[in-house]
């Protein structure tokens, strides 16, 4: 069975995966071929399960189903016999510019996105040229087997899923780290843009983009109450906070509707040596692994950005929005980030 490590982007994914591997010496898996996947001799990723037809209901076609890939831990770790911890970001976290129709999900569409495995189908590229000038280059491309790469997806059968490890990070810091991710994607120099002023300029660009505003006004009335929509203007990067809370609500919803067992894990606990050892033990017990090593790697990513990047009025506005949009169970998990307000 699969135990998903569900992580909202920029919330400590890499450290969580390393901690689980190092503390248990168990191989772990990923829904994403491009992220740390193990490659065989032919440079192909290796699925965790080759024969899964018995997991698919008889009335459904076998086409379109598949399994996650082993990460590089496959080379050095033990192969689990009970649960395979598998990374998934699910969906609903697109970076700006994106509209509500791109990140709002129903319970079922979100749950399926968590089971979606992404990989690249390689096709031999072919090009022809009659000119002698290009002939040498064309031959070189053919000999080196340069390939076109198309993104493909398969769905892991639902009854292969058993439980969820739910990674959570302080929302204020998570959104600032998403801004840092945006800088990387846009190939912008972080040293020149990594400031409170630059962050809020990004927020203003997002919040005042007329095309996005028009699309949001058209769509959001079907997704959000008027009370929630009225709060948007007070919250910098309001779409980012909506994505954040909607994503975590959906993970909580999965434990209700699909009866998945769930264990919350907090990003900030990685920064404390004693606490991260306890977390490693809790995860191991949850998935049925044995802890074999507590000499865990140091954690250098625990930056807190709330008081550095937001003023009190903004913090209060974000708090009000998240509390209103949260399921009660979601708020119970997030409330630790607002205890001092």
C-alpha atoms as a PDB file:
ATOM      1  CA  UNK A   1       0.000   0.000   0.000  1.00  0.00           C
ATOM      2  CA  UNK A   2       1.013   3.601  -0.559  1.00  0.00           C
ATOM      3  CA  UNK A   3       1.343   6.150   2.216  1.00  0.00           C
ATOM      4  CA  UNK A   4       1.405   9.550   0.541  1.00  0.00           C
ATOM      5  CA  UNK A   5       3.684  12.319   1.721  1.00  0.00           C
ATOM      6  CA  UNK A   6       1.463  15.222   0.686  1.00  0.00           C
ATOM      7  CA  UNK A   7       3.321  18.504   0.612  1.00  0.00           C
ATOM      8  CA  UNK A   8       2.315  21.959  -0.548  1.00  0.00           C
ATOM      9  CA  UNK A   9       5.237  23.304  -2.621  1.00  0.00           C
ATOM     10  CA  UNK A  10       7.998  25.060  -0.665  1.00  0.00           C
ATOM     11  CA  UNK A  11       7.006  23.537   2.662  1.00  0.00           C
ATOM     12  CA  UNK A  12      10.016  21.319   3.370  1.00  0.00           C
ATOM     13  CA  UNK A  13       9.547  18.470   0.901  1.00  0.00           C
ATOM     14  CA  UNK A  14      13.215  17.640   0.358  1.00  0.00           C
ATOM     15  CA  UNK A  15      14.097  17.561   4.044  1.00  0.00           C
ATOM     16  CA  UNK A  16      11.048  15.438   4.908  1.00  0.00           C
ATOM     17  CA  UNK A  17      11.999  12.865   2.282  1.00  0.00           C
ATOM     18  CA  UNK A  18      15.633  12.786   3.424  1.00  0.00           C
ATOM     19  CA  UNK A  19      14.616  12.458   7.068  1.00  0.00           C
ATOM     20  CA  UNK A  20      12.344   9.487   6.372  1.00  0.00           C
ATOM     21  CA  UNK A  21      14.995   7.759   4.270  1.00  0.00           C
ATOM     22  CA  UNK A  22      17.854   8.423   6.712  1.00  0.00           C
ATOM     23  CA  UNK A  23      15.926   7.426   9.837  1.00  0.00           C
ATOM     24  CA  UNK A  24      14.466   4.184   8.452  1.00  0.00           C
ATOM     25  CA  UNK A  25      16.772   3.252   5.555  1.00  0.00           C
ATOM     26  CA  UNK A  26      13.655   2.509   3.531  1.00  0.00           C
ATOM     27  CA  UNK A  27      13.383   3.336  -0.160  1.00  0.00           C
ATOM     28  CA  UNK A  28      10.747   5.945  -0.918  1.00  0.00           C
ATOM     29  CA  UNK A  29       8.879   6.867  -4.094  1.00  0.00           C
ATOM     30  CA  UNK A  30       7.715   9.905  -6.037  1.00  0.00           C
ATOM     31  CA  UNK A  31       4.839  10.778  -8.352  1.00  0.00           C
ATOM     32  CA  UNK A  32       7.254  12.811 -10.466  1.00  0.00           C
ATOM     33  CA  UNK A  33       9.773  11.288 -12.807  1.00  0.00           C
ATOM     34  CA  UNK A  34      11.763  14.534 -12.851  1.00  0.00           C
ATOM     35  CA  UNK A  35      12.174  14.635  -9.061  1.00  0.00           C
ATOM     36  CA  UNK A  36      14.924  12.337  -7.792  1.00  0.00           C
ATOM     37  CA  UNK A  37      13.640   9.282  -9.642  1.00  0.00           C
ATOM     38  CA  UNK A  38      15.854   6.211  -9.882  1.00  0.00           C
ATOM     39  CA  UNK A  39      17.020   5.325 -13.406  1.00  0.00           C
ATOM     40  CA  UNK A  40      17.822   1.846 -14.674  1.00  0.00           C
ATOM     41  CA  UNK A  41      20.533   0.911 -17.154  1.00  0.00           C
ATOM     42  CA  UNK A  42      18.429   2.263 -20.017  1.00  0.00           C
ATOM     43  CA  UNK A  43      17.807   5.530 -18.176  1.00  0.00           C
ATOM     44  CA  UNK A  44      14.152   4.700 -17.537  1.00  0.00           C
ATOM     45  CA  UNK A  45      12.435   5.304 -14.181  1.00  0.00           C
ATOM     46  CA  UNK A  46      11.410   2.215 -12.228  1.00  0.00           C
ATOM     47  CA  UNK A  47       7.766   1.975 -11.030  1.00  0.00           C
ATOM     48  CA  UNK A  48       7.234   0.611  -7.529  1.00  0.00           C
ATOM     49  CA  UNK A  49       4.797  -1.988  -8.866  1.00  0.00           C
ATOM     50  CA  UNK A  50       4.886  -3.631 -12.269  1.00  0.00           C
ATOM     51  CA  UNK A  51       1.657  -5.643 -12.021  1.00  0.00           C
ATOM     52  CA  UNK A  52      -1.307  -3.740 -10.628  1.00  0.00           C
ATOM     53  CA  UNK A  53      -4.200  -5.184 -12.645  1.00  0.00           C
ATOM     54  CA  UNK A  54      -5.654  -6.872  -9.554  1.00  0.00           C
ATOM     55  CA  UNK A  55      -6.054  -3.413  -7.960  1.00  0.00           C
ATOM     56  CA  UNK A  56      -8.310  -2.077 -10.705  1.00  0.00           C
ATOM     57  CA  UNK A  57     -12.069  -2.742 -10.525  1.00  0.00           C
ATOM     58  CA  UNK A  58     -13.175  -5.257 -13.166  1.00  0.00           C
ATOM     59  CA  UNK A  59     -15.622  -2.823 -14.754  1.00  0.00           C
ATOM     60  CA  UNK A  60     -12.847  -0.312 -15.472  1.00  0.00           C
ATOM     61  CA  UNK A  61     -10.351  -0.369 -18.313  1.00  0.00           C
ATOM     62  CA  UNK A  62      -6.719  -1.009 -17.347  1.00  0.00           C
ATOM     63  CA  UNK A  63      -5.528   1.775 -19.630  1.00  0.00           C
ATOM     64  CA  UNK A  64      -4.415   4.984 -17.944  1.00  0.00           C
ATOM     65  CA  UNK A  65      -3.373   3.399 -14.655  1.00  0.00           C
ATOM     66  CA  UNK A  66       0.156   3.202 -13.301  1.00  0.00           C
ATOM     67  CA  UNK A  67       2.366   3.540 -10.252  1.00  0.00           C
ATOM     68  CA  UNK A  68       4.828   6.032  -8.771  1.00  0.00           C
ATOM     69  CA  UNK A  69       8.552   5.698  -9.340  1.00  0.00           C
ATOM     70  CA  UNK A  70      11.272   4.756  -6.897  1.00  0.00           C
ATOM     71  CA  UNK A  71      13.551   7.621  -5.962  1.00  0.00           C
ATOM     72  CA  UNK A  72      17.329   7.329  -5.873  1.00  0.00           C
ATOM     73  CA  UNK A  73      16.892   5.786  -2.422  1.00  0.00           C
ATOM     74  CA  UNK A  74      16.090   2.557  -4.310  1.00  0.00           C
ATOM     75  CA  UNK A  75      19.848   2.018  -4.806  1.00  0.00           C
ATOM     76  CA  UNK A  76      20.761   2.137  -1.120  1.00  0.00           C
ATOM     77  CA  UNK A  77      17.570   1.655   0.868  1.00  0.00           C
ATOM     78  CA  UNK A  78      15.557  -1.422   1.773  1.00  0.00           C
ATOM     79  CA  UNK A  79      12.415  -2.117  -0.242  1.00  0.00           C
ATOM     80  CA  UNK A  80       9.344  -1.768   2.014  1.00  0.00           C
ATOM     81  CA  UNK A  81       7.059  -4.750   2.331  1.00  0.00           C
ATOM     82  CA  UNK A  82       4.085  -2.935   3.881  1.00  0.00           C
ATOM     83  CA  UNK A  83       3.831   0.774   3.013  1.00  0.00           C
ATOM     84  CA  UNK A  84       5.708   2.800   0.424  1.00  0.00           C
ATOM     85  CA  UNK A  85       6.050   6.482   1.363  1.00  0.00           C
ATOM     86  CA  UNK A  86       5.399   8.406  -1.855  1.00  0.00           C
ATOM     87  CA  UNK A  87       5.732  12.110  -2.574  1.00  0.00           C
ATOM     88  CA  UNK A  88       2.793  13.963  -4.108  1.00  0.00           C
ATOM     89  CA  UNK A  89       2.001  17.671  -4.379  1.00  0.00           C
ATOM     90  CA  UNK A  90      -1.486  16.916  -5.738  1.00  0.00           C
ATOM     91  CA  UNK A  91      -2.765  20.001  -7.644  1.00  0.00           C
ATOM     92  CA  UNK A  92      -4.187  23.461  -7.025  1.00  0.00           C
ATOM     93  CA  UNK A  93      -0.931  25.311  -6.382  1.00  0.00           C
ATOM     94  CA  UNK A  94      -0.140  26.991  -9.726  1.00  0.00           C
ATOM     95  CA  UNK A  95       2.189  29.988  -9.631  1.00  0.00           C
ATOM     96  CA  UNK A  96       0.881  33.339 -10.812  1.00  0.00           C
ATOM     97  CA  UNK A  97      -0.512  34.186 -13.270  1.00  0.00           C
ATOM     98  CA  UNK A  98      -3.326  31.686 -12.846  1.00  0.00           C
ATOM     99  CA  UNK A  99      -7.062  31.971 -12.283  1.00  0.00           C
ATOM    100  CA  UNK A 100      -9.493  30.213  -9.901  1.00  0.00           C
ATOM    101  CA  UNK A 101     -10.502  27.761 -12.628  1.00  0.00           C
ATOM    102  CA  UNK A 102      -6.879  26.561 -12.630  1.00  0.00           C
ATOM    103  CA  UNK A 103      -6.557  25.975  -8.886  1.00  0.00           C
ATOM    104  CA  UNK A 104     -10.058  25.347  -7.527  1.00  0.00           C
ATOM    105  CA  UNK A 105     -10.917  21.655  -7.211  1.00  0.00           C
ATOM    106  CA  UNK A 106     -13.752  19.450  -6.094  1.00  0.00           C
ATOM    107  CA  UNK A 107     -12.935  16.808  -3.492  1.00  0.00           C
ATOM    108  CA  UNK A 108     -12.799  14.048  -6.083  1.00  0.00           C
ATOM    109  CA  UNK A 109     -10.696  15.946  -8.647  1.00  0.00           C
ATOM    110  CA  UNK A 110      -8.193  16.932  -5.956  1.00  0.00           C
ATOM    111  CA  UNK A 111      -7.966  13.401  -4.575  1.00  0.00           C
ATOM    112  CA  UNK A 112      -7.317  12.039  -8.050  1.00  0.00           C
ATOM    113  CA  UNK A 113      -4.629  14.667  -8.628  1.00  0.00           C
ATOM    114  CA  UNK A 114      -2.807  13.279  -5.593  1.00  0.00           C
ATOM    115  CA  UNK A 115      -2.755   9.885  -7.317  1.00  0.00           C
ATOM    116  CA  UNK A 116      -1.558  11.310 -10.644  1.00  0.00           C
ATOM    117  CA  UNK A 117       1.912  10.198 -11.722  1.00  0.00           C
ATOM    118  CA  UNK A 118       3.733  12.462 -14.187  1.00  0.00           C
ATOM    119  CA  UNK A 119       6.423  11.206 -16.534  1.00  0.00           C
ATOM    120  CA  UNK A 120       8.001  12.056 -19.859  1.00  0.00           C
ATOM    121  CA  UNK A 121       7.415   9.990 -22.949  1.00  0.00           C
ATOM    122  CA  UNK A 122      10.481  10.097 -25.130  1.00  0.00           C
ATOM    123  CA  UNK A 123      10.123  10.049 -28.872  1.00  0.00           C
ATOM    124  CA  UNK A 124      12.949  10.012 -31.348  1.00  0.00           C
ATOM    125  CA  UNK A 125      13.054  13.343 -33.117  1.00  0.00           C
ATOM    126  CA  UNK A 126      13.539  13.472 -36.833  1.00  0.00           C
ATOM    127  CA  UNK A 127      14.315  16.399 -39.063  1.00  0.00           C
ATOM    128  CA  UNK A 128      15.461  16.598 -42.628  1.00  0.00           C
ATOM    129  CA  UNK A 129      17.455  19.111 -44.575  1.00  0.00           C
ATOM    130  CA  UNK A 130      18.684  19.106 -48.104  1.00  0.00           C
ATOM    131  CA  UNK A 131      21.509  21.515 -47.437  1.00  0.00           C
ATOM    132  CA  UNK A 132      25.002  20.130 -46.932  1.00  0.00           C
ATOM    133  CA  UNK A 133      25.520  22.775 -44.258  1.00  0.00           C
ATOM    134  CA  UNK A 134      22.919  21.113 -41.973  1.00  0.00           C
ATOM    135  CA  UNK A 135      23.680  17.506 -42.838  1.00  0.00           C
ATOM    136  CA  UNK A 136      26.469  17.103 -40.279  1.00  0.00           C
ATOM    137  CA  UNK A 137      24.311  18.535 -37.499  1.00  0.00           C
ATOM    138  CA  UNK A 138      21.382  16.302 -38.433  1.00  0.00           C
ATOM    139  CA  UNK A 139      23.604  13.221 -38.383  1.00  0.00           C
ATOM    140  CA  UNK A 140      24.966  14.237 -34.994  1.00  0.00           C
ATOM    141  CA  UNK A 141      21.438  14.617 -33.599  1.00  0.00           C
ATOM    142  CA  UNK A 142      20.485  11.196 -34.939  1.00  0.00           C
ATOM    143  CA  UNK A 143      23.589   9.513 -33.545  1.00  0.00           C
ATOM    144  CA  UNK A 144      23.141  11.056 -30.107  1.00  0.00           C
ATOM    145  CA  UNK A 145      19.426  10.014 -30.070  1.00  0.00           C
ATOM    146  CA  UNK A 146      18.168  13.452 -29.168  1.00  0.00           C
ATOM    147  CA  UNK A 147      14.551  13.177 -28.201  1.00  0.00           C
ATOM    148  CA  UNK A 148      11.393  15.192 -27.963  1.00  0.00           C
ATOM    149  CA  UNK A 149       9.869  14.951 -24.517  1.00  0.00           C
ATOM    150  CA  UNK A 150       6.111  14.930 -23.918  1.00  0.00           C
ATOM    151  CA  UNK A 151       4.610  15.076 -20.438  1.00  0.00           C
ATOM    152  CA  UNK A 152       2.267  12.166 -19.784  1.00  0.00           C
ATOM    153  CA  UNK A 153       0.279  10.983 -16.791  1.00  0.00           C
ATOM    154  CA  UNK A 154      -1.206   7.853 -15.303  1.00  0.00           C
ATOM    155  CA  UNK A 155      -3.422   7.364 -12.260  1.00  0.00           C
ATOM    156  CA  UNK A 156      -2.542   5.106  -9.344  1.00  0.00           C
ATOM    157  CA  UNK A 157      -5.514   2.839  -8.474  1.00  0.00           C
ATOM    158  CA  UNK A 158      -7.414   4.252  -5.525  1.00  0.00           C
ATOM    159  CA  UNK A 159      -7.449   1.044  -3.515  1.00  0.00           C
ATOM    160  CA  UNK A 160      -3.641   1.030  -3.507  1.00  0.00           C
ATOM    161  CA  UNK A 161      -3.707   4.037  -1.126  1.00  0.00           C
ATOM    162  CA  UNK A 162      -3.727   3.538   2.618  1.00  0.00           C
ATOM    163  CA  UNK A 163      -2.686   6.695   4.458  1.00  0.00           C
ATOM    164  CA  UNK A 164      -1.400  10.271   4.344  1.00  0.00           C
ATOM    165  CA  UNK A 165       1.558  12.086   5.860  1.00  0.00           C
ATOM    166  CA  UNK A 166       0.376  15.705   5.757  1.00  0.00           C
ATOM    167  CA  UNK A 167       3.255  18.227   5.766  1.00  0.00           C
ATOM    168  CA  UNK A 168       2.299  21.710   6.991  1.00  0.00           C
ATOM    169  CA  UNK A 169       4.223  24.996   7.081  1.00  0.00           C
ATOM    170  CA  UNK A 170       3.384  28.406   8.509  1.00  0.00           C
ATOM    171  CA  UNK A 171       1.249  30.040   5.773  1.00  0.00           C
ATOM    172  CA  UNK A 172       3.002  33.427   5.903  1.00  0.00           C
ATOM    173  CA  UNK A 173       6.425  31.850   5.398  1.00  0.00           C
ATOM    174  CA  UNK A 174       5.142  29.360   2.842  1.00  0.00           C
ATOM    175  CA  UNK A 175       3.821  32.149   0.598  1.00  0.00           C
ATOM    176  CA  UNK A 176       7.087  34.120   0.839  1.00  0.00           C
ATOM    177  CA  UNK A 177       8.984  30.970  -0.132  1.00  0.00           C
ATOM    178  CA  UNK A 178       6.614  30.601  -3.053  1.00  0.00           C
ATOM    179  CA  UNK A 179       7.709  34.077  -4.092  1.00  0.00           C
ATOM    180  CA  UNK A 180      11.304  32.844  -3.946  1.00  0.00           C
ATOM    181  CA  UNK A 181      10.254  29.934  -6.160  1.00  0.00           C
ATOM    182  CA  UNK A 182       8.728  32.414  -8.598  1.00  0.00           C
ATOM    183  CA  UNK A 183      12.043  34.278  -8.768  1.00  0.00           C
ATOM    184  CA  UNK A 184      13.817  31.040  -9.641  1.00  0.00           C
ATOM    185  CA  UNK A 185      11.253  30.081 -12.289  1.00  0.00           C
ATOM    186  CA  UNK A 186      11.490  33.553 -13.829  1.00  0.00           C
ATOM    187  CA  UNK A 187      15.298  33.421 -13.582  1.00  0.00           C
ATOM    188  CA  UNK A 188      15.387  36.626 -11.558  1.00  0.00           C
ATOM    189  CA  UNK A 189      18.306  37.408  -9.272  1.00  0.00           C
ATOM    190  CA  UNK A 190      17.131  36.668  -5.717  1.00  0.00           C
ATOM    191  CA  UNK A 191      19.700  39.023  -4.207  1.00  0.00           C
ATOM    192  CA  UNK A 192      18.087  41.936  -6.027  1.00  0.00           C
ATOM    193  CA  UNK A 193      14.477  40.979  -5.327  1.00  0.00           C
ATOM    194  CA  UNK A 194      14.482  39.194  -1.976  1.00  0.00           C
ATOM    195  CA  UNK A 195      13.076  41.977   0.174  1.00  0.00           C
ATOM    196  CA  UNK A 196       9.803  42.909   1.815  1.00  0.00           C
ATOM    197  CA  UNK A 197       9.297  45.656  -0.769  1.00  0.00           C
ATOM    198  CA  UNK A 198       9.908  43.323  -3.708  1.00  0.00           C
ATOM    199  CA  UNK A 199       7.597  40.711  -2.229  1.00  0.00           C
ATOM    200  CA  UNK A 200       4.763  43.200  -1.873  1.00  0.00           C
ATOM    201  CA  UNK A 201       5.379  44.508  -5.359  1.00  0.00           C
ATOM    202  CA  UNK A 202       4.843  40.915  -6.558  1.00  0.00           C
ATOM    203  CA  UNK A 203       1.651  40.800  -4.519  1.00  0.00           C
ATOM    204  CA  UNK A 204       0.411  44.095  -5.955  1.00  0.00           C
ATOM    205  CA  UNK A 205       1.114  42.909  -9.497  1.00  0.00           C
ATOM    206  CA  UNK A 206      -0.900  39.806  -8.759  1.00  0.00           C
ATOM    207  CA  UNK A 207      -3.716  41.580  -6.940  1.00  0.00           C
ATOM    208  CA  UNK A 208      -4.103  44.366  -9.533  1.00  0.00           C
ATOM    209  CA  UNK A 209      -3.568  42.395 -12.750  1.00  0.00           C
ATOM    210  CA  UNK A 210      -6.660  43.503 -14.662  1.00  0.00           C
ATOM    211  CA  UNK A 211      -6.947  40.336 -16.737  1.00  0.00           C
ATOM    212  CA  UNK A 212      -6.773  38.167 -13.643  1.00  0.00           C
ATOM    213  CA  UNK A 213      -9.199  40.432 -11.793  1.00  0.00           C
ATOM    214  CA  UNK A 214     -11.796  40.174 -14.541  1.00  0.00           C
ATOM    215  CA  UNK A 215     -11.456  36.407 -14.741  1.00  0.00           C
ATOM    216  CA  UNK A 216     -11.484  36.114 -10.964  1.00  0.00           C
ATOM    217  CA  UNK A 217     -14.621  38.254 -10.623  1.00  0.00           C
ATOM    218  CA  UNK A 218     -16.355  36.169 -13.251  1.00  0.00           C
ATOM    219  CA  UNK A 219     -15.412  32.822 -11.724  1.00  0.00           C
ATOM    220  CA  UNK A 220     -14.954  33.445  -8.019  1.00  0.00           C
ATOM    221  CA  UNK A 221     -18.606  34.223  -7.314  1.00  0.00           C
ATOM    222  CA  UNK A 222     -19.272  30.556  -8.053  1.00  0.00           C
ATOM    223  CA  UNK A 223     -16.471  29.421  -5.739  1.00  0.00           C
ATOM    224  CA  UNK A 224     -16.430  31.858  -2.825  1.00  0.00           C
ATOM    225  CA  UNK A 225     -19.048  33.567  -0.713  1.00  0.00           C
ATOM    226  CA  UNK A 226     -19.445  37.340  -0.887  1.00  0.00           C
ATOM    227  CA  UNK A 227     -18.061  37.511   2.663  1.00  0.00           C
ATOM    228  CA  UNK A 228     -14.856  35.778   1.599  1.00  0.00           C
ATOM    229  CA  UNK A 229     -14.535  37.834  -1.579  1.00  0.00           C
ATOM    230  CA  UNK A 230     -14.864  41.055   0.398  1.00  0.00           C
ATOM    231  CA  UNK A 231     -11.759  40.091   2.389  1.00  0.00           C
ATOM    232  CA  UNK A 232      -9.561  39.669  -0.673  1.00  0.00           C
ATOM    233  CA  UNK A 233      -8.757  43.365  -1.012  1.00  0.00           C
ATOM    234  CA  UNK A 234      -7.240  43.439   2.494  1.00  0.00           C
ATOM    235  CA  UNK A 235      -4.982  40.434   1.971  1.00  0.00           C
ATOM    236  CA  UNK A 236      -1.749  40.813  -0.022  1.00  0.00           C
ATOM    237  CA  UNK A 237      -1.351  37.957  -2.511  1.00  0.00           C
ATOM    238  CA  UNK A 238      -4.855  36.834  -1.583  1.00  0.00           C
ATOM    239  CA  UNK A 239      -4.896  34.201  -4.355  1.00  0.00           C
ATOM    240  CA  UNK A 240      -1.805  32.578  -2.836  1.00  0.00           C
ATOM    241  CA  UNK A 241      -3.486  32.278   0.552  1.00  0.00           C
ATOM    242  CA  UNK A 242      -6.655  30.932  -1.070  1.00  0.00           C
ATOM    243  CA  UNK A 243      -4.603  28.227  -2.816  1.00  0.00           C
ATOM    244  CA  UNK A 244      -2.829  27.408   0.436  1.00  0.00           C
ATOM    245  CA  UNK A 245      -5.936  26.981   2.566  1.00  0.00           C
ATOM    246  CA  UNK A 246      -7.943  25.237  -0.162  1.00  0.00           C
ATOM    247  CA  UNK A 247      -5.117  22.734  -0.641  1.00  0.00           C
ATOM    248  CA  UNK A 248      -4.909  21.894   3.059  1.00  0.00           C
ATOM    249  CA  UNK A 249      -8.692  21.696   3.355  1.00  0.00           C
ATOM    250  CA  UNK A 250      -8.730  19.137   0.554  1.00  0.00           C
ATOM    251  CA  UNK A 251      -6.082  16.992   2.263  1.00  0.00           C
ATOM    252  CA  UNK A 252      -8.192  17.009   5.434  1.00  0.00           C
ATOM    253  CA  UNK A 253     -11.254  16.207   3.335  1.00  0.00           C
ATOM    254  CA  UNK A 254      -9.510  13.131   1.927  1.00  0.00           C
ATOM    255  CA  UNK A 255      -9.192  11.660   5.406  1.00  0.00           C
ATOM    256  CA  UNK A 256     -12.929  12.160   5.950  1.00  0.00           C
ATOM    257  CA  UNK A 257     -14.365  11.012   2.652  1.00  0.00           C
ATOM    258  CA  UNK A 258     -11.837   8.408   1.559  1.00  0.00           C
ATOM    259  CA  UNK A 259     -11.108   7.151   5.062  1.00  0.00           C
ATOM    260  CA  UNK A 260      -7.364   7.583   4.711  1.00  0.00           C
ATOM    261  CA  UNK A 261      -5.440   7.592   7.971  1.00  0.00           C
ATOM    262  CA  UNK A 262      -3.575  10.880   8.353  1.00  0.00           C
ATOM    263  CA  UNK A 263      -0.599  12.167  10.344  1.00  0.00           C
ATOM    264  CA  UNK A 264       0.180  15.920  10.369  1.00  0.00           C
ATOM    265  CA  UNK A 265       3.874  16.855  10.197  1.00  0.00           C
ATOM    266  CA  UNK A 266       5.090  20.389  10.847  1.00  0.00           C
ATOM    267  CA  UNK A 267       7.921  22.015   8.910  1.00  0.00           C
ATOM    268  CA  UNK A 268       9.008  24.052  11.927  1.00  0.00           C
ATOM    269  CA  UNK A 269       9.615  20.902  14.012  1.00  0.00           C
ATOM    270  CA  UNK A 270      12.545  20.004  11.752  1.00  0.00           C
ATOM    271  CA  UNK A 271      14.564  22.893  13.210  1.00  0.00           C
ATOM    272  CA  UNK A 272      14.635  21.430  16.727  1.00  0.00           C
ATOM    273  CA  UNK A 273      16.922  18.395  17.131  1.00  0.00           C
ATOM    274  CA  UNK A 274      14.850  16.652  19.819  1.00  0.00           C
ATOM    275  CA  UNK A 275      11.562  17.397  18.075  1.00  0.00           C
ATOM    276  CA  UNK A 276      12.692  16.163  14.652  1.00  0.00           C
ATOM    277  CA  UNK A 277      13.843  12.907  16.257  1.00  0.00           C
ATOM    278  CA  UNK A 278      10.360  12.532  17.738  1.00  0.00           C
ATOM    279  CA  UNK A 279       8.814  13.298  14.339  1.00  0.00           C
ATOM    280  CA  UNK A 280      10.990  10.649  12.690  1.00  0.00           C
ATOM    281  CA  UNK A 281       9.790   8.110  15.262  1.00  0.00           C
ATOM    282  CA  UNK A 282       6.140   9.130  14.798  1.00  0.00           C
ATOM    283  CA  UNK A 283       6.373   8.765  11.030  1.00  0.00           C
ATOM    284  CA  UNK A 284       8.088   5.381  11.303  1.00  0.00           C
ATOM    285  CA  UNK A 285       5.423   4.083  13.665  1.00  0.00           C
ATOM    286  CA  UNK A 286       2.650   5.456  11.450  1.00  0.00           C
ATOM    287  CA  UNK A 287       3.867   3.660   8.308  1.00  0.00           C
ATOM    288  CA  UNK A 288       5.126   0.535  10.059  1.00  0.00           C
ATOM    289  CA  UNK A 289       8.873   1.109   9.694  1.00  0.00           C
ATOM    290  CA  UNK A 290      11.661   0.616  12.207  1.00  0.00           C
ATOM    291  CA  UNK A 291      13.872   3.558  13.176  1.00  0.00           C
ATOM    292  CA  UNK A 292      17.486   2.548  12.553  1.00  0.00           C
ATOM    293  CA  UNK A 293      19.219   5.934  12.718  1.00  0.00           C
ATOM    294  CA  UNK A 294      18.543   9.206  14.516  1.00  0.00           C
ATOM    295  CA  UNK A 295      21.691  10.963  13.366  1.00  0.00           C
ATOM    296  CA  UNK A 296      19.549  13.116  11.105  1.00  0.00           C
ATOM    297  CA  UNK A 297      20.826  15.807   8.737  1.00  0.00           C
ATOM    298  CA  UNK A 298      20.897  19.376  10.010  1.00  0.00           C
ATOM    299  CA  UNK A 299      17.987  21.548   8.966  1.00  0.00           C
ATOM    300  CA  UNK A 300      18.886  24.939   7.539  1.00  0.00           C
ATOM    301  CA  UNK A 301      15.607  25.909   5.887  1.00  0.00           C
ATOM    302  CA  UNK A 302      13.481  26.911   8.852  1.00  0.00           C
ATOM    303  CA  UNK A 303      13.116  30.590   8.048  1.00  0.00           C
ATOM    304  CA  UNK A 304      10.120  32.425   9.459  1.00  0.00           C
ATOM    305  CA  UNK A 305       8.990  35.392   7.383  1.00  0.00           C
ATOM    306  CA  UNK A 306       5.763  36.534   9.018  1.00  0.00           C
ATOM    307  CA  UNK A 307       7.005  39.462  11.085  1.00  0.00           C
ATOM    308  CA  UNK A 308       9.674  40.387   8.546  1.00  0.00           C
ATOM    309  CA  UNK A 309       7.386  40.590   5.498  1.00  0.00           C
ATOM    310  CA  UNK A 310       3.914  41.479   6.852  1.00  0.00           C
ATOM    311  CA  UNK A 311       2.635  44.299   9.032  1.00  0.00           C
ATOM    312  CA  UNK A 312       0.100  43.751  11.804  1.00  0.00           C
ATOM    313  CA  UNK A 313      -2.897  44.827   9.719  1.00  0.00           C
ATOM    314  CA  UNK A 314      -1.945  42.387   6.957  1.00  0.00           C
ATOM    315  CA  UNK A 315      -1.359  39.581   9.448  1.00  0.00           C
ATOM    316  CA  UNK A 316      -4.791  40.150  10.965  1.00  0.00           C
ATOM    317  CA  UNK A 317      -6.454  40.207   7.543  1.00  0.00           C
ATOM    318  CA  UNK A 318      -4.769  36.942   6.500  1.00  0.00           C
ATOM    319  CA  UNK A 319      -5.721  35.354   9.815  1.00  0.00           C
ATOM    320  CA  UNK A 320      -9.361  36.350   9.383  1.00  0.00           C
ATOM    321  CA  UNK A 321      -9.484  34.992   5.821  1.00  0.00           C
ATOM    322  CA  UNK A 322      -7.815  31.664   6.641  1.00  0.00           C
ATOM    323  CA  UNK A 323      -9.949  31.102   9.723  1.00  0.00           C
ATOM    324  CA  UNK A 324     -13.136  31.742   7.747  1.00  0.00           C
ATOM    325  CA  UNK A 325     -12.104  29.452   4.882  1.00  0.00           C
ATOM    326  CA  UNK A 326     -10.703  26.613   7.034  1.00  0.00           C
ATOM    327  CA  UNK A 327     -12.525  23.457   7.945  1.00  0.00           C
ATOM    328  CA  UNK A 328     -12.566  23.132  11.727  1.00  0.00           C
ATOM    329  CA  UNK A 329     -10.028  20.305  11.599  1.00  0.00           C
ATOM    330  CA  UNK A 330      -7.784  22.312   9.272  1.00  0.00           C
ATOM    331  CA  UNK A 331      -7.893  25.289  11.615  1.00  0.00           C
ATOM    332  CA  UNK A 332      -7.046  23.038  14.559  1.00  0.00           C
ATOM    333  CA  UNK A 333      -3.843  22.064  12.727  1.00  0.00           C
ATOM    334  CA  UNK A 334      -3.000  25.650  11.730  1.00  0.00           C
ATOM    335  CA  UNK A 335      -3.938  27.407  14.948  1.00  0.00           C
ATOM    336  CA  UNK A 336      -0.431  27.039  16.384  1.00  0.00           C
ATOM    337  CA  UNK A 337       0.694  29.689  13.880  1.00  0.00           C
ATOM    338  CA  UNK A 338      -1.742  32.250  15.287  1.00  0.00           C
ATOM    339  CA  UNK A 339      -1.519  31.613  19.044  1.00  0.00           C
ATOM    340  CA  UNK A 340       0.470  34.783  19.661  1.00  0.00           C
ATOM    341  CA  UNK A 341      -1.980  37.093  17.850  1.00  0.00           C
END
